[in-house]
C-alpha atoms as a PDB file:
ATOM      1  CA  MET A   1      99.371  74.775 116.777  1.00  0.00           C
ATOM      2  CA  ARG A   2     101.796  77.482 116.310  1.00  0.00           C
ATOM      3  CA  GLY A   3     102.354  77.184 120.227  1.00  0.00           C
ATOM      4  CA  ARG A   4     103.084  73.501 120.117  1.00  0.00           C
ATOM      5  CA  ASP A   5     105.351  73.890 117.044  1.00  0.00           C
ATOM      6  CA  ALA A   6     107.423  76.630 119.017  1.00  0.00           C
ATOM      7  CA  GLY A   7     107.885  74.174 122.133  1.00  0.00           C
ATOM      8  CA  ARG A   8     108.772  71.233 119.965  1.00  0.00           C
ATOM      9  CA  ALA A   9     111.281  73.350 118.113  1.00  0.00           C
ATOM     10  CA  ALA A  10     112.673  75.045 121.754  1.00  0.00           C
ATOM     11  CA  MET A  11     112.914  71.173 122.789  1.00  0.00           C
ATOM     12  CA  VAL A  12     114.959  70.164 119.894  1.00  0.00           C
ATOM     13  CA  ALA A  13     117.213  72.860 120.271  1.00  0.00           C
ATOM     14  CA  ALA A  14     117.564  72.061 123.669  1.00  0.00           C
ATOM     15  CA  LEU A  15     118.605  68.641 123.030  1.00  0.00           C
ATOM     16  CA  MET A  16     120.966  69.561 120.191  1.00  0.00           C
ATOM     17  CA  LEU A  17     122.779  71.710 122.564  1.00  0.00           C
ATOM     18  CA  VAL A  18     123.212  68.927 124.991  1.00  0.00           C
ATOM     19  CA  GLY A  19     123.981  66.579 122.637  1.00  0.00           C
ATOM     20  CA  ALA A  20     127.104  69.114 121.505  1.00  0.00           C
ATOM     21  CA  ALA A  21     128.131  69.431 124.980  1.00  0.00           C
ATOM     22  CA  LEU A  22     128.181  65.609 125.584  1.00  0.00           C
ATOM     23  CA  LEU A  23     130.073  65.180 122.251  1.00  0.00           C
ATOM     24  CA  ARG A  24     132.641  67.671 123.313  1.00  0.00           C
ATOM     25  CA  ALA A  25     133.396  66.242 126.968  1.00  0.00           C
ATOM     26  CA  GLN A  26     133.627  62.460 126.044  1.00  0.00           C
ATOM     27  CA  GLN A  27     137.041  61.003 125.206  1.00  0.00           C
ATOM     28  CA  ASN A  28     137.497  59.970 121.488  1.00  0.00           C
ATOM     29  CA  PRO A  29     137.359  56.012 121.345  1.00  0.00           C
ATOM     30  CA  LEU A  30     139.694  56.004 118.254  1.00  0.00           C
ATOM     31  CA  ILE A  31     142.727  57.087 120.569  1.00  0.00           C
ATOM     32  CA  ASP A  32     142.211  53.870 122.825  1.00  0.00           C
ATOM     33  CA  GLN A  33     142.018  52.020 119.644  1.00  0.00           C
ATOM     34  CA  GLY A  34     145.361  53.318 118.311  1.00  0.00           C
ATOM     35  CA  VAL A  35     147.029  52.509 121.688  1.00  0.00           C
ATOM     36  CA  VAL A  36     146.048  48.702 121.409  1.00  0.00           C
ATOM     37  CA  ALA A  37     146.978  48.570 117.766  1.00  0.00           C
ATOM     38  CA  TYR A  38     150.363  50.239 118.872  1.00  0.00           C
ATOM     39  CA  ASP A  39     150.829  47.720 121.657  1.00  0.00           C
ATOM     40  CA  ASN A  40     150.250  44.808 118.691  1.00  0.00           C
ATOM     41  CA  LEU A  41     152.732  46.573 116.735  1.00  0.00           C
ATOM     42  CA  ASP A  42     150.072  47.596 113.954  1.00  0.00           C
ATOM     43  CA  PHE A  43     151.974  51.124 113.230  1.00  0.00           C
ATOM     44  CA  GLU A  44     150.150  51.797 110.136  1.00  0.00           C
ATOM     45  CA  THR A  45     146.666  51.187 111.749  1.00  0.00           C
ATOM     46  CA  THR A  46     147.915  53.447 115.205  1.00  0.00           C
ATOM     47  CA  ALA A  47     149.099  56.106 112.684  1.00  0.00           C
ATOM     48  CA  ASP A  48     145.525  56.337 110.674  1.00  0.00           C
ATOM     49  CA  LEU A  49     143.431  55.852 114.201  1.00  0.00           C
ATOM     50  CA  MET A  50     145.624  58.821 115.639  1.00  0.00           C
ATOM     51  CA  ARG A  51     145.145  61.037 112.690  1.00  0.00           C
ATOM     52  CA  ARG A  52     141.481  60.596 112.376  1.00  0.00           C
ATOM     53  CA  ALA A  53     141.103  61.098 116.239  1.00  0.00           C
ATOM     54  CA  LEU A  54     143.024  64.506 115.669  1.00  0.00           C
ATOM     55  CA  LYS A  55     140.619  65.332 112.740  1.00  0.00           C
ATOM     56  CA  SER A  56     137.605  64.543 114.286  1.00  0.00           C
ATOM     57  CA  PRO A  57     134.764  66.909 115.518  1.00  0.00           C
ATOM     58  CA  VAL A  58     135.329  65.885 118.987  1.00  0.00           C
ATOM     59  CA  THR A  59     137.177  68.520 121.143  1.00  0.00           C
ATOM     60  CA  LEU A  60     140.017  66.812 122.909  1.00  0.00           C
ATOM     61  CA  GLU A  61     141.374  68.012 125.981  1.00  0.00           C
ATOM     62  CA  VAL A  62     145.271  69.117 125.580  1.00  0.00           C
ATOM     63  CA  SER A  63     146.440  65.866 127.353  1.00  0.00           C
ATOM     64  CA  GLU A  64     144.624  63.898 124.813  1.00  0.00           C
ATOM     65  CA  GLN A  65     145.745  65.493 122.020  1.00  0.00           C
ATOM     66  CA  GLY A  66     149.384  65.292 123.009  1.00  0.00           C
ATOM     67  CA  ARG A  67     148.655  61.248 123.963  1.00  0.00           C
ATOM     68  CA  ALA A  68     147.353  60.935 120.078  1.00  0.00           C
ATOM     69  CA  LEU A  69     150.509  62.865 118.635  1.00  0.00           C
ATOM     70  CA  GLY A  70     152.772  60.825 120.697  1.00  0.00           C
ATOM     71  CA  TYR A  71     151.594  57.788 119.195  1.00  0.00           C
ATOM     72  CA  LEU A  72     151.466  59.107 115.783  1.00  0.00           C
ATOM     73  CA  GLY A  73     155.063  60.167 115.897  1.00  0.00           C
ATOM     74  CA  ALA A  74     156.035  56.941 117.409  1.00  0.00           C
ATOM     75  CA  SER A  75     154.220  55.071 114.754  1.00  0.00           C
ATOM     76  CA  GLU A  76     155.606  57.137 111.778  1.00  0.00           C
ATOM     77  CA  PHE A  77     159.261  56.378 113.426  1.00  0.00           C
ATOM     78  CA  PHE A  78     158.859  52.794 113.286  1.00  0.00           C
ATOM     79  CA  LEU A  79     157.191  53.001 109.936  1.00  0.00           C
ATOM     80  CA  GLY A  80     160.578  54.842 108.667  1.00  0.00           C
ATOM     81  CA  HIS A  81     158.683  58.190 108.206  1.00  0.00           C
ATOM     82  CA  ARG A  82     161.181  60.120 110.155  1.00  0.00           C
ATOM     83  CA  ASP A  83     160.013  63.416 108.718  1.00  0.00           C
ATOM     84  CA  ALA A  84     156.499  62.886 109.464  1.00  0.00           C
ATOM     85  CA  ALA A  85     157.473  61.663 113.115  1.00  0.00           C
ATOM     86  CA  VAL A  86     159.334  64.965 113.605  1.00  0.00           C
ATOM     87  CA  LEU A  87     156.183  67.076 112.566  1.00  0.00           C
ATOM     88  CA  ALA A  88     154.018  65.056 114.838  1.00  0.00           C
ATOM     89  CA  PHE A  89     156.182  65.785 117.354  1.00  0.00           C
ATOM     90  CA  ARG A  90     156.723  69.285 116.772  1.00  0.00           C
ATOM     91  CA  ASP A  91     152.839  69.677 117.153  1.00  0.00           C
ATOM     92  CA  MET A  92     152.916  67.813 120.449  1.00  0.00           C
ATOM     93  CA  ALA A  93     155.644  70.189 121.687  1.00  0.00           C
ATOM     94  CA  ARG A  94     153.568  73.316 120.855  1.00  0.00           C
ATOM     95  CA  LEU A  95     150.481  72.178 123.089  1.00  0.00           C
ATOM     96  CA  ASP A  96     152.485  72.556 126.308  1.00  0.00           C
ATOM     97  CA  ALA A  97     155.927  73.382 127.401  1.00  0.00           C
ATOM     98  CA  ARG A  98     155.940  70.515 129.784  1.00  0.00           C
ATOM     99  CA  MET A  99     154.727  67.878 127.376  1.00  0.00           C
ATOM    100  CA  ARG A 100     157.006  65.042 127.255  1.00  0.00           C
ATOM    101  CA  LEU A 101     156.792  61.323 125.950  1.00  0.00           C
ATOM    102  CA  ASP A 102     156.393  58.619 128.837  1.00  0.00           C
ATOM    103  CA  PRO A 103     159.936  56.778 129.008  1.00  0.00           C
ATOM    104  CA  LEU A 104     157.629  53.668 130.187  1.00  0.00           C
ATOM    105  CA  LEU A 105     155.915  53.514 126.798  1.00  0.00           C
ATOM    106  CA  PHE A 106     158.417  54.950 124.115  1.00  0.00           C
ATOM    107  CA  PRO A 107     161.986  53.574 123.875  1.00  0.00           C
ATOM    108  CA  PRO A 108     165.238  55.905 123.988  1.00  0.00           C
ATOM    109  CA  ASP A 109     165.271  56.006 120.090  1.00  0.00           C
ATOM    110  CA  VAL A 110     161.774  57.554 120.087  1.00  0.00           C
ATOM    111  CA  GLN A 111     162.764  59.894 122.821  1.00  0.00           C
ATOM    112  CA  ARG A 112     165.634  61.403 121.010  1.00  0.00           C
ATOM    113  CA  ILE A 113     163.320  62.192 117.843  1.00  0.00           C
ATOM    114  CA  TYR A 114     160.949  64.062 120.215  1.00  0.00           C
ATOM    115  CA  ASP A 115     163.809  65.914 122.006  1.00  0.00           C
ATOM    116  CA  GLU A 116     165.170  66.751 118.575  1.00  0.00           C
ATOM    117  CA  ALA A 117     161.704  68.138 117.455  1.00  0.00           C
ATOM    118  CA  ARG A 118     161.217  69.705 120.640  1.00  0.00           C
ATOM    119  CA  ARG A 119     164.532  72.006 120.525  1.00  0.00           C
ATOM    120  CA  THR A 120     163.335  73.442 117.355  1.00  0.00           C
ATOM    121  CA  VAL A 121     159.931  74.580 118.606  1.00  0.00           C
ATOM    122  CA  ARG A 122     161.213  76.824 121.837  1.00  0.00           C
ATOM    123  CA  ILE A 123     158.037  78.044 123.350  1.00  0.00           C
ATOM    124  CA  VAL A 124     157.358  79.342 126.933  1.00  0.00           C
ATOM    125  CA  GLN A 125     154.357  79.451 128.961  1.00  0.00           C
ATOM    126  CA  ALA A 126     153.606  82.007 132.090  1.00  0.00           C
ATOM    127  CA  GLU A 127     151.444  80.726 134.988  1.00  0.00           C
ATOM    128  CA  VAL A 128     149.845  82.959 137.358  1.00  0.00           C
ATOM    129  CA  PRO A 129     146.906  82.440 140.141  1.00  0.00           C
ATOM    130  CA  ASP A 130     143.419  83.082 138.467  1.00  0.00           C
ATOM    131  CA  GLU A 131     142.939  85.219 141.425  1.00  0.00           C
ATOM    132  CA  ALA A 132     145.155  86.736 143.752  1.00  0.00           C
ATOM    133  CA  GLU A 133     145.164  89.491 146.548  1.00  0.00           C
ATOM    134  CA  LEU A 134     148.371  91.391 147.313  1.00  0.00           C
ATOM    135  CA  ARG A 135     148.936  93.510 150.334  1.00  0.00           C
ATOM    136  CA  MET A 136     151.435  95.789 149.813  1.00  0.00           C
ATOM    137  CA  GLY A 137     154.591  95.375 151.285  1.00  0.00           C
ATOM    138  CA  GLN A 138     153.740  91.919 152.738  1.00  0.00           C
ATOM    139  CA  THR A 139     152.838  89.681 149.837  1.00  0.00           C
ATOM    140  CA  VAL A 140     153.914  89.304 146.213  1.00  0.00           C
ATOM    141  CA  LEU A 141     152.040  87.613 143.004  1.00  0.00           C
ATOM    142  CA  PRO A 142     153.960  84.182 142.196  1.00  0.00           C
ATOM    143  CA  ILE A 143     154.889  83.862 138.402  1.00  0.00           C
ATOM    144  CA  ARG A 144     156.279  80.779 137.050  1.00  0.00           C
ATOM    145  CA  ILE A 145     157.733  80.687 133.638  1.00  0.00           C
ATOM    146  CA  ILE A 146     157.953  77.126 132.003  1.00  0.00           C
ATOM    147  CA  ALA A 147     160.042  76.585 128.701  1.00  0.00           C
ATOM    148  CA  ASN A 148     160.359  73.765 126.518  1.00  0.00           C
ATOM    149  CA  SER A 149     164.092  74.276 125.609  1.00  0.00           C
ATOM    150  CA  GLN A 150     166.697  76.758 126.218  1.00  0.00           C
ATOM    151  CA  GLN A 151     166.048  80.293 125.188  1.00  0.00           C
ATOM    152  CA  THR A 152     166.575  84.144 126.069  1.00  0.00           C
ATOM    153  CA  ILE A 153     163.068  85.670 127.182  1.00  0.00           C
ATOM    154  CA  VAL A 154     162.194  89.050 128.621  1.00  0.00           C
ATOM    155  CA  VAL A 155     159.221  89.365 130.945  1.00  0.00           C
ATOM    156  CA  THR A 156     157.566  92.517 131.419  1.00  0.00           C
ATOM    157  CA  LEU A 157     154.385  93.687 133.156  1.00  0.00           C
ATOM    158  CA  ALA A 158     152.622  97.070 132.084  1.00  0.00           C
ATOM    159  CA  ARG A 159     149.585  98.259 131.752  1.00  0.00           C
ATOM    160  CA  GLU A 160     147.289  98.036 128.496  1.00  0.00           C
ATOM    161  CA  SER A 161     148.461 101.216 126.918  1.00  0.00           C
ATOM    162  CA  GLY A 162     152.069 100.370 127.422  1.00  0.00           C
ATOM    163  CA  GLU A 163     152.403 102.651 130.595  1.00  0.00           C
ATOM    164  CA  ASP A 164     153.950 101.768 133.716  1.00  0.00           C
ATOM    165  CA  ARG A 165     156.161  99.262 132.180  1.00  0.00           C
ATOM    166  CA  VAL A 166     158.564  97.249 134.545  1.00  0.00           C
ATOM    167  CA  THR A 167     160.952  94.644 133.711  1.00  0.00           C
ATOM    168  CA  LEU A 168     160.660  91.380 135.787  1.00  0.00           C
ATOM    169  CA  TYR A 169     163.267  89.301 134.221  1.00  0.00           C
ATOM    170  CA  SER A 170     165.645  89.376 130.872  1.00  0.00           C
ATOM    171  CA  GLY A 171     167.922  86.716 130.629  1.00  0.00           C
ATOM    172  CA  SER A 172     168.293  82.907 129.589  1.00  0.00           C
ATOM    173  CA  ILE A 173     165.806  80.182 130.817  1.00  0.00           C
ATOM    174  CA  THR A 174     166.024  76.293 130.386  1.00  0.00           C
ATOM    175  CA  ASP A 175     163.264  74.748 132.286  1.00  0.00           C
ATOM    176  CA  SER A 176     161.424  76.992 134.732  1.00  0.00           C
ATOM    177  CA  LEU A 177     161.537  80.010 136.317  1.00  0.00           C
ATOM    178  CA  ASP A 178     160.009  81.430 139.534  1.00  0.00           C
ATOM    179  CA  LEU A 179     159.428  85.148 139.497  1.00  0.00           C
ATOM    180  CA  THR A 180     157.227  87.512 141.588  1.00  0.00           C
ATOM    181  CA  TRP A 181     155.541  91.091 141.271  1.00  0.00           C
ATOM    182  CA  ASP A 182     155.685  93.066 144.248  1.00  0.00           C
ATOM    183  CA  GLY A 183     152.460  95.319 143.129  1.00  0.00           C
ATOM    184  CA  ARG A 184     154.745  98.343 141.846  1.00  0.00           C
ATOM    185  CA  VAL A 185     155.158  99.555 138.718  1.00  0.00           C
ATOM    186  CA  GLY A 186     157.564 102.015 136.788  1.00  0.00           C
ATOM    187  CA  GLY A 187     158.913 104.709 139.230  1.00  0.00           C
ATOM    188  CA  GLY A 188     158.355 102.260 142.016  1.00  0.00           C
ATOM    189  CA  ASN A 189     154.625 103.475 142.248  1.00  0.00           C
ATOM    190  CA  THR A 190     151.955 101.130 143.384  1.00  0.00           C
ATOM    191  CA  ALA A 191     149.886 100.100 140.321  1.00  0.00           C
ATOM    192  CA  ARG A 192     146.671 101.712 139.370  1.00  0.00           C
ATOM    193  CA  SER A 193     143.263  99.926 138.765  1.00  0.00           C
ATOM    194  CA  GLY A 194     142.916  98.881 135.327  1.00  0.00           C
ATOM    195  CA  LYS A 195     144.058  96.546 132.560  1.00  0.00           C
ATOM    196  CA  TYR A 196     147.662  95.193 132.439  1.00  0.00           C
ATOM    197  CA  ALA A 197     149.493  92.486 130.524  1.00  0.00           C
ATOM    198  CA  LEU A 198     151.904  89.996 131.927  1.00  0.00           C
ATOM    199  CA  GLN A 199     154.218  89.460 128.413  1.00  0.00           C
ATOM    200  CA  VAL A 200     157.140  86.946 127.996  1.00  0.00           C
ATOM    201  CA  ALA A 201     158.733  87.223 124.732  1.00  0.00           C
ATOM    202  CA  SER A 202     161.112  84.922 123.351  1.00  0.00           C
ATOM    203  CA  LEU A 203     164.053  86.440 121.697  1.00  0.00           C
ATOM    204  CA  SER A 204     166.122  85.763 118.625  1.00  0.00           C
ATOM    205  CA  GLY A 205     168.770  87.962 117.501  1.00  0.00           C
ATOM    206  CA  GLY A 206     167.473  90.553 119.969  1.00  0.00           C
ATOM    207  CA  ARG A 207     164.129  90.709 118.340  1.00  0.00           C
ATOM    208  CA  ALA A 208     160.928  88.658 119.867  1.00  0.00           C
ATOM    209  CA  PHE A 209     159.818  85.878 117.454  1.00  0.00           C
ATOM    210  CA  ARG A 210     157.039  84.582 119.929  1.00  0.00           C
ATOM    211  CA  THR A 211     155.262  86.340 123.012  1.00  0.00           C
ATOM    212  CA  VAL A 212     153.001  85.118 125.533  1.00  0.00           C
ATOM    213  CA  LYS A 213     150.477  87.815 127.043  1.00  0.00           C
ATOM    214  CA  VAL A 214     148.434  86.992 130.179  1.00  0.00           C
ATOM    215  CA  PRO A 215     145.869  90.134 130.707  1.00  0.00           C
ATOM    216  CA  LEU A 216     145.305  91.046 134.341  1.00  0.00           C
ATOM    217  CA  GLN A 217     142.620  92.981 135.645  1.00  0.00           C
ATOM    218  CA  VAL A 218     144.274  94.781 138.717  1.00  0.00           C
ATOM    219  CA  THR A 219     142.093  96.598 141.055  1.00  0.00           C
ATOM    220  CA  LEU A 220     143.471  99.030 143.834  1.00  0.00           C
ATOM    221  CA  GLU A 221     141.711  98.894 147.192  1.00  0.00           C
ATOM    222  CA  ARG A 222     143.067 101.660 149.462  1.00  0.00           C
ATOM    223  CA  GLN A 223     140.825 103.140 152.707  1.00  0.00           C
ATOM    224  CA  ASP A 224     140.330 106.880 153.153  1.00  0.00           C
ATOM    225  CA  THR A 225     142.590 108.549 155.563  1.00  0.00           C
ATOM    226  CA  LEU A 226     140.254 110.370 158.409  1.00  0.00           C
ATOM    227  CA  PRO A 227     140.501 114.335 158.734  1.00  0.00           C
ATOM    228  CA  PHE A 228     142.096 115.578 161.710  1.00  0.00           C
ATOM    229  CA  PRO A 229     139.875 117.722 164.263  1.00  0.00           C
ATOM    230  CA  ARG A 230     140.518 121.375 164.393  1.00  0.00           C
ATOM    231  CA  ALA A 231     142.407 122.973 166.953  1.00  0.00           C
ATOM    232  CA  PRO A 232     140.036 124.504 169.779  1.00  0.00           C
ATOM    233  CA  GLU A 233     138.663 127.846 169.493  1.00  0.00           C
ATOM    234  CA  GLN A 234     139.936 130.702 171.350  1.00  0.00           C
ATOM    235  CA  SER A 235     136.347 131.164 172.735  1.00  0.00           C
ATOM    236  CA  GLN A 236     136.612 127.750 174.274  1.00  0.00           C
ATOM    237  CA  TYR A 237     139.299 128.515 176.683  1.00  0.00           C
ATOM    238  CA  LEU A 238     138.783 130.443 180.012  1.00  0.00           C
ATOM    239  CA  PRO A 239     140.959 133.278 181.049  1.00  0.00           C
ATOM    240  CA  GLU A 240     143.990 131.909 182.952  1.00  0.00           C
ATOM    241  CA  ARG A 241     144.988 135.388 184.781  1.00  0.00           C
ATOM    242  CA  SER A 242     143.253 138.075 186.296  1.00  0.00           C
ATOM    243  CA  LEU A 243     143.881 141.735 187.236  1.00  0.00           C
ATOM    244  CA  ALA A 244     141.337 142.150 189.463  1.00  0.00           C
ATOM    245  CA  GLY A 245     143.230 141.290 192.855  1.00  0.00           C
ATOM    246  CA  PRO A 246     146.305 143.759 191.658  1.00  0.00           C
ATOM    247  CA  LEU A 247     144.302 146.520 190.645  1.00  0.00           C
ATOM    248  CA  LYS A 248     142.136 146.330 194.006  1.00  0.00           C
ATOM    249  CA  GLY A 249     145.490 146.568 195.735  1.00  0.00           C
ATOM    250  CA  VAL A 250     146.348 149.701 193.764  1.00  0.00           C
ATOM    251  CA  VAL A 251     143.066 151.313 194.482  1.00  0.00           C
ATOM    252  CA  ARG A 252     143.261 150.031 198.160  1.00  0.00           C
ATOM    253  CA  GLY A 253     146.685 151.641 198.464  1.00  0.00           C
ATOM    254  CA  PHE A 254     145.759 154.872 196.761  1.00  0.00           C
ATOM    255  CA  ALA A 255     142.753 155.290 199.370  1.00  0.00           C
ATOM    256  CA  MET A 256     144.799 154.459 202.417  1.00  0.00           C
ATOM    257  CA  GLY A 257     147.310 156.819 201.264  1.00  0.00           C
ATOM    258  CA  ILE A 258     144.905 159.623 200.585  1.00  0.00           C
ATOM    259  CA  LEU A 259     143.134 158.655 204.168  1.00  0.00           C
ATOM    260  CA  ALA A 260     146.902 158.872 205.818  1.00  0.00           C
ATOM    261  CA  ILE A 261     147.395 162.451 204.236  1.00  0.00           C
ATOM    262  CA  GLY A 262     143.954 163.901 204.636  1.00  0.00           C
ATOM    263  CA  LEU A 263     143.271 163.247 207.996  1.00  0.00           C
ATOM    264  CA  PRO A 264     145.806 164.783 209.417  1.00  0.00           C
ATOM    265  CA  ALA A 265     145.314 167.938 207.196  1.00  0.00           C
ATOM    266  CA  ALA A 266     141.466 167.614 208.133  1.00  0.00           C
ATOM    267  CA  MET A 267     142.517 168.085 212.148  1.00  0.00           C
ATOM    268  CA  GLY A 268     144.618 171.519 211.038  1.00  0.00           C
ATOM    269  CA  ALA A 269     148.244 170.111 211.355  1.00  0.00           C
ATOM    270  CA  ASP A 270     150.858 172.288 210.258  1.00  0.00           C
ATOM    271  CA  THR A 271     153.252 171.610 207.472  1.00  0.00           C
ATOM    272  CA  ARG A 272     156.185 169.908 209.568  1.00  0.00           C
ATOM    273  CA  ALA A 273     153.481 167.655 211.152  1.00  0.00           C
ATOM    274  CA  MET A 274     152.536 166.972 207.682  1.00  0.00           C
ATOM    275  CA  ILE A 275     155.804 165.186 206.606  1.00  0.00           C
ATOM    276  CA  GLY A 276     154.942 161.852 208.470  1.00  0.00           C
ATOM    277  CA  PRO A 277     151.660 161.365 206.961  1.00  0.00           C
ATOM    278  CA  LEU A 278     152.976 162.277 203.326  1.00  0.00           C
ATOM    279  CA  VAL A 279     155.539 159.761 203.766  1.00  0.00           C
ATOM    280  CA  VAL A 280     153.055 157.238 205.251  1.00  0.00           C
ATOM    281  CA  GLY A 281     150.392 157.750 202.316  1.00  0.00           C
ATOM    282  CA  GLY A 282     152.980 157.604 199.681  1.00  0.00           C
ATOM    283  CA  ALA A 283     154.560 154.304 200.836  1.00  0.00           C
ATOM    284  CA  ILE A 284     151.024 152.758 200.944  1.00  0.00           C
ATOM    285  CA  SER A 285     150.139 154.015 197.501  1.00  0.00           C
ATOM    286  CA  THR A 286     153.778 152.889 196.182  1.00  0.00           C
ATOM    287  CA  SER A 287     153.055 149.569 197.805  1.00  0.00           C
ATOM    288  CA  GLY A 288     149.589 149.164 195.464  1.00  0.00           C
ATOM    289  CA  LEU A 289     151.657 149.940 192.672  1.00  0.00           C
ATOM    290  CA  VAL A 290     154.715 147.609 193.171  1.00  0.00           C
ATOM    291  CA  GLY A 291     151.674 144.907 193.617  1.00  0.00           C
ATOM    292  CA  LEU A 292     150.491 145.664 190.095  1.00  0.00           C
ATOM    293  CA  LEU A 293     153.715 145.831 188.530  1.00  0.00           C
ATOM    294  CA  ALA A 294     154.763 142.593 190.169  1.00  0.00           C
ATOM    295  CA  HIS A 295     151.807 140.783 188.362  1.00  0.00           C
ATOM    296  CA  PRO A 296     151.434 142.817 185.124  1.00  0.00           C
ATOM    297  CA  GLY A 297     149.612 140.285 183.423  1.00  0.00           C
ATOM    298  CA  GLY A 298     147.395 139.428 186.303  1.00  0.00           C
ATOM    299  CA  ARG A 299     147.308 136.793 188.952  1.00  0.00           C
ATOM    300  CA  PRO A 300     147.395 132.891 187.517  1.00  0.00           C
ATOM    301  CA  ILE A 301     143.773 131.365 188.007  1.00  0.00           C
ATOM    302  CA  GLU A 302     144.681 127.657 188.639  1.00  0.00           C
ATOM    303  CA  SER A 303     141.384 126.157 187.824  1.00  0.00           C
ATOM    304  CA  ASN A 304     141.050 128.011 184.476  1.00  0.00           C
ATOM    305  CA  ILE A 305     144.686 126.650 183.816  1.00  0.00           C
ATOM    306  CA  THR A 306     143.702 122.995 184.635  1.00  0.00           C
ATOM    307  CA  TYR A 307     140.548 123.348 182.502  1.00  0.00           C
ATOM    308  CA  ASN A 308     142.251 124.998 179.531  1.00  0.00           C
ATOM    309  CA  ARG A 309     144.970 121.933 179.718  1.00  0.00           C
ATOM    310  CA  ARG A 310     142.446 119.418 179.562  1.00  0.00           C
ATOM    311  CA  ILE A 311     141.155 120.946 176.411  1.00  0.00           C
ATOM    312  CA  ARG A 312     144.351 121.093 174.928  1.00  0.00           C
ATOM    313  CA  GLU A 313     145.712 117.314 175.948  1.00  0.00           C
ATOM    314  CA  THR A 314     142.199 115.937 174.708  1.00  0.00           C
ATOM    315  CA  TRP A 315     142.858 117.584 171.412  1.00  0.00           C
ATOM    316  CA  GLN A 316     146.166 116.268 171.065  1.00  0.00           C
ATOM    317  CA  ARG A 317     145.154 112.812 172.327  1.00  0.00           C
ATOM    318  CA  ARG A 318     143.034 112.716 169.265  1.00  0.00           C
ATOM    319  CA  VAL A 319     145.465 113.930 166.736  1.00  0.00           C
ATOM    320  CA  ASP A 320     148.052 111.588 167.839  1.00  0.00           C
ATOM    321  CA  SER A 321     145.243 108.533 167.500  1.00  0.00           C
ATOM    322  CA  LEU A 322     144.529 109.818 164.027  1.00  0.00           C
ATOM    323  CA  THR A 323     148.076 109.973 163.049  1.00  0.00           C
ATOM    324  CA  VAL A 324     148.311 106.261 163.948  1.00  0.00           C
ATOM    325  CA  GLU A 325     145.256 105.077 162.163  1.00  0.00           C
ATOM    326  CA  ASN A 326     145.868 107.025 159.107  1.00  0.00           C
ATOM    327  CA  ARG A 327     149.458 105.633 158.832  1.00  0.00           C
ATOM    328  CA  ARG A 328     147.889 102.322 159.208  1.00  0.00           C
ATOM    329  CA  ARG A 329     145.008 102.990 156.348  1.00  0.00           C
ATOM    330  CA  ARG A 330     148.189 104.080 153.949  1.00  0.00           C
ATOM    331  CA  GLU A 331     150.064 101.076 154.515  1.00  0.00           C
ATOM    332  CA  ASN A 332     146.798  98.988 154.046  1.00  0.00           C
ATOM    333  CA  VAL A 333     146.842  99.008 150.512  1.00  0.00           C
ATOM    334  CA  ARG A 334     145.420  96.027 148.625  1.00  0.00           C
ATOM    335  CA  LEU A 335     145.607  94.879 144.978  1.00  0.00           C
ATOM    336  CA  THR A 336     142.935  92.334 143.614  1.00  0.00           C
ATOM    337  CA  ILE A 337     144.532  90.704 140.481  1.00  0.00           C
ATOM    338  CA  ARG A 338     142.480  88.277 138.063  1.00  0.00           C
ATOM    339  CA  ALA A 339     144.065  86.657 135.088  1.00  0.00           C
ATOM    340  CA  GLU A 340     142.663  85.949 132.073  1.00  0.00           C
ATOM    341  CA  SER A 341     143.475  82.969 129.396  1.00  0.00           C
ATOM    342  CA  PRO A 342     146.999  83.693 128.069  1.00  0.00           C
ATOM    343  CA  VAL A 343     147.315  84.748 124.226  1.00  0.00           C
ATOM    344  CA  VAL A 344     150.195  83.459 122.032  1.00  0.00           C
ATOM    345  CA  GLN A 345     151.351  86.291 119.515  1.00  0.00           C
ATOM    346  CA  GLN A 346     153.945  85.669 116.857  1.00  0.00           C
ATOM    347  CA  GLY A 347     156.545  88.490 117.110  1.00  0.00           C
ATOM    348  CA  VAL A 348     155.460  91.467 119.289  1.00  0.00           C
ATOM    349  CA  ASN A 349     158.747  93.417 120.619  1.00  0.00           C
ATOM    350  CA  PRO A 350     158.810  93.554 124.708  1.00  0.00           C
END
């Protein structure tokens, strides 16, 4: 039994939720009835029906609220209740900065009263995409500011803490204004990930009397740069010169010089006869030394030089390729921006 009771209770709760949702979603028939009464010039009935519709538990869309307040204000005007008409029109103007009376439905006299009421309200709205992606240096975030009447505003964007503030606009607005944000904050730096706020403050006497705040969640996406390869180790290179050839020449020269001197001496030549061999032996030995001095670092080994050059060129090509890739990665910075519902605050200086 307890299980059955619990099931019935859950079903009843579910039906109540569905019924509440339907109640919120449906249009209030009182508004349509009031429009019929207005068309029949029954302004007392129209005003009564519109007040009841606005106070009913049914949640009206902004457009429906504006419709009800428009007919209410017009009915009050025709009933001679000018102040009541102005109050209704002020409430209508507060709903949306773009809210206007339909000139096909309401005569010029009613339009003038609405415009008079609208000018005393002075509100602005800020519109940004629900979600946007900025590519730094390539795209921007579009921002549209809409005002219901002429006023002075200051538009700023900053982190929730107030840091990294940047002023996007400061001046007068009459109807609408299109702005952009390039993703940079104070100091020209790219915005970091975190919570930000776009604020539009309406000013009077230099002080804010109303501020529209649009919370923004900003996510910075940037690719890491790639590390450069280390320069080749010295042990990877082959020797590019050799002393073997010149040293062999020296040794050969000394050997031949000694032979040129020693052979005549061994054959018993006298001192005068030894002068020639001494000169020849010295010349041969000197030629070996000259060959060594001509190539003090050794003779070039062309095959090794080519091999080492290929190692260096391969490393340099890799460095050049990574330099280009890292530049592309540093420039490929993206900001993902998600906007939340605007919040209206009275006062709050920019």
